[in-house]
């Protein structure tokens, strides 16, 4: 050992902002962008860009009812990364939901 201690890198997370936004919409398809932003600790502008990304890639669609949007997730759409391409959006959301429902060890 050279006496240097390796410091853990703290600038990474397990979930992307896109996954967080998608999960928030899955929980409440009528959620407002400002509420997604607050829940995900993002700016409204960042959430709008993410929703646009998800819509442009066919993971998500919306319909306008009055002044509100209602979102519909495409559960059969496959994840983008080649290592995860065998998984669908529904698989990802089920995994995320199943950890929330488990009791603490």
Protein backbone atom coordinates (compact mmCIF):
# COMPACT_ATOMS: atom_id res chain seq x y z
CA UNK A 1 0.00 0.00 0.00
CA UNK A 2 1.24 3.45 -0.78
CA UNK A 3 -0.50 5.11 2.16
CA UNK A 4 -3.21 6.73 0.04
CA UNK A 5 -6.75 5.96 1.07
CA UNK A 6 -9.21 5.62 -1.72
CA UNK A 7 -12.15 7.96 -1.23
CA UNK A 8 -15.52 6.67 -2.45
CA UNK A 9 -16.94 8.56 -5.41
CA UNK A 10 -20.19 10.14 -4.27
CA UNK A 11 -21.33 11.61 -7.59
CA UNK A 12 -23.16 8.58 -8.96
CA UNK A 13 -26.57 7.07 -8.31
CA UNK A 14 -28.26 3.78 -9.10
CA UNK A 15 -31.18 5.33 -10.95
CA UNK A 16 -31.14 7.94 -13.69
CA UNK A 17 -33.35 10.99 -13.59
CA UNK A 18 -35.27 9.48 -16.52
CA UNK A 19 -36.07 6.39 -14.42
CA UNK A 20 -37.14 8.55 -11.47
CA UNK A 21 -39.46 10.66 -13.63
CA UNK A 22 -40.94 7.56 -15.28
CA UNK A 23 -41.57 5.97 -11.87
CA UNK A 24 -43.26 9.15 -10.59
CA UNK A 25 -45.56 9.14 -13.63
CA UNK A 26 -46.27 5.43 -13.16
CA UNK A 27 -47.41 6.12 -9.59
CA UNK A 28 -49.66 9.01 -10.69
CA UNK A 29 -50.41 9.40 -14.44
CA UNK A 30 -52.03 12.78 -13.78
CA UNK A 31 -49.10 14.22 -11.85
CA UNK A 32 -48.03 17.78 -12.62
CA UNK A 33 -44.49 18.52 -13.80
CA UNK A 34 -43.88 20.73 -10.78
CA UNK A 35 -44.82 17.83 -8.48
CA UNK A 36 -42.51 15.47 -10.35
CA UNK A 37 -39.75 18.07 -10.01
CA UNK A 38 -40.29 18.36 -6.26
CA UNK A 39 -40.46 14.59 -5.78
CA UNK A 40 -37.35 13.91 -7.89
CA UNK A 41 -35.45 16.98 -6.65
CA UNK A 42 -35.08 18.36 -10.18
CA UNK A 43 -36.01 21.62 -11.84
CA UNK A 44 -39.28 21.83 -13.77
CA UNK A 45 -37.23 22.57 -16.89
CA UNK A 46 -35.21 19.36 -16.40
CA UNK A 47 -38.41 17.34 -15.91
CA UNK A 48 -39.93 18.85 -19.06
CA UNK A 49 -36.81 17.86 -21.04
CA UNK A 50 -36.94 14.33 -19.62
CA UNK A 51 -40.65 13.95 -20.41
CA UNK A 52 -39.92 15.14 -23.96
CA UNK A 53 -37.10 12.57 -24.24
CA UNK A 54 -39.41 9.82 -23.02
CA UNK A 55 -42.19 10.85 -25.39
CA UNK A 56 -39.86 11.16 -28.39
CA UNK A 57 -38.57 7.64 -27.69
CA UNK A 58 -42.10 6.19 -27.34
CA UNK A 59 -41.78 5.33 -23.66
CA UNK A 60 -44.53 7.78 -22.79
CA UNK A 61 -47.47 9.62 -24.36
CA UNK A 62 -49.80 12.27 -23.00
CA UNK A 63 -53.29 13.52 -23.58
CA UNK A 64 -54.46 16.96 -22.60
CA UNK A 65 -57.65 17.28 -20.56
CA UNK A 66 -58.40 20.92 -19.91
CA UNK A 67 -55.28 22.40 -18.36
CA UNK A 68 -53.85 19.06 -17.20
CA UNK A 69 -51.89 16.32 -18.91
CA UNK A 70 -52.56 12.66 -18.35
CA UNK A 71 -49.65 10.36 -19.14
CA UNK A 72 -49.68 6.84 -20.51
CA UNK A 73 -46.58 4.68 -20.22
CA UNK A 74 -45.79 2.13 -22.92
CA UNK A 75 -45.14 -0.86 -20.63
CA UNK A 76 -43.90 -3.14 -23.42
CA UNK A 77 -41.19 -0.80 -24.69
CA UNK A 78 -37.71 -2.25 -24.18
CA UNK A 79 -34.99 -0.50 -22.19
CA UNK A 80 -32.35 1.31 -24.24
CA UNK A 81 -29.05 -0.10 -23.01
CA UNK A 82 -27.96 -3.27 -24.85
CA UNK A 83 -27.30 -5.06 -21.56
CA UNK A 84 -30.88 -4.33 -20.47
CA UNK A 85 -32.62 -4.67 -23.83
CA UNK A 86 -34.35 -7.88 -22.76
CA UNK A 87 -36.22 -5.93 -20.07
CA UNK A 88 -39.36 -3.88 -20.64
CA UNK A 89 -40.46 -0.69 -18.96
CA UNK A 90 -42.98 -2.80 -17.03
CA UNK A 91 -40.13 -4.99 -15.75
CA UNK A 92 -38.20 -1.93 -14.55
CA UNK A 93 -41.22 -0.39 -12.85
CA UNK A 94 -42.10 -3.70 -11.18
CA UNK A 95 -38.58 -3.96 -9.82
CA UNK A 96 -38.70 -0.42 -8.51
CA UNK A 97 -42.12 -0.96 -6.92
CA UNK A 98 -41.22 -4.30 -5.36
CA UNK A 99 -38.38 -2.79 -3.32
CA UNK A 100 -40.72 -0.12 -1.97
CA UNK A 101 -43.15 -2.72 -0.67
CA UNK A 102 -40.60 -4.84 1.17
CA UNK A 103 -40.27 -4.50 4.94
CA UNK A 104 -36.97 -3.20 6.31
CA UNK A 105 -34.56 -5.99 7.32
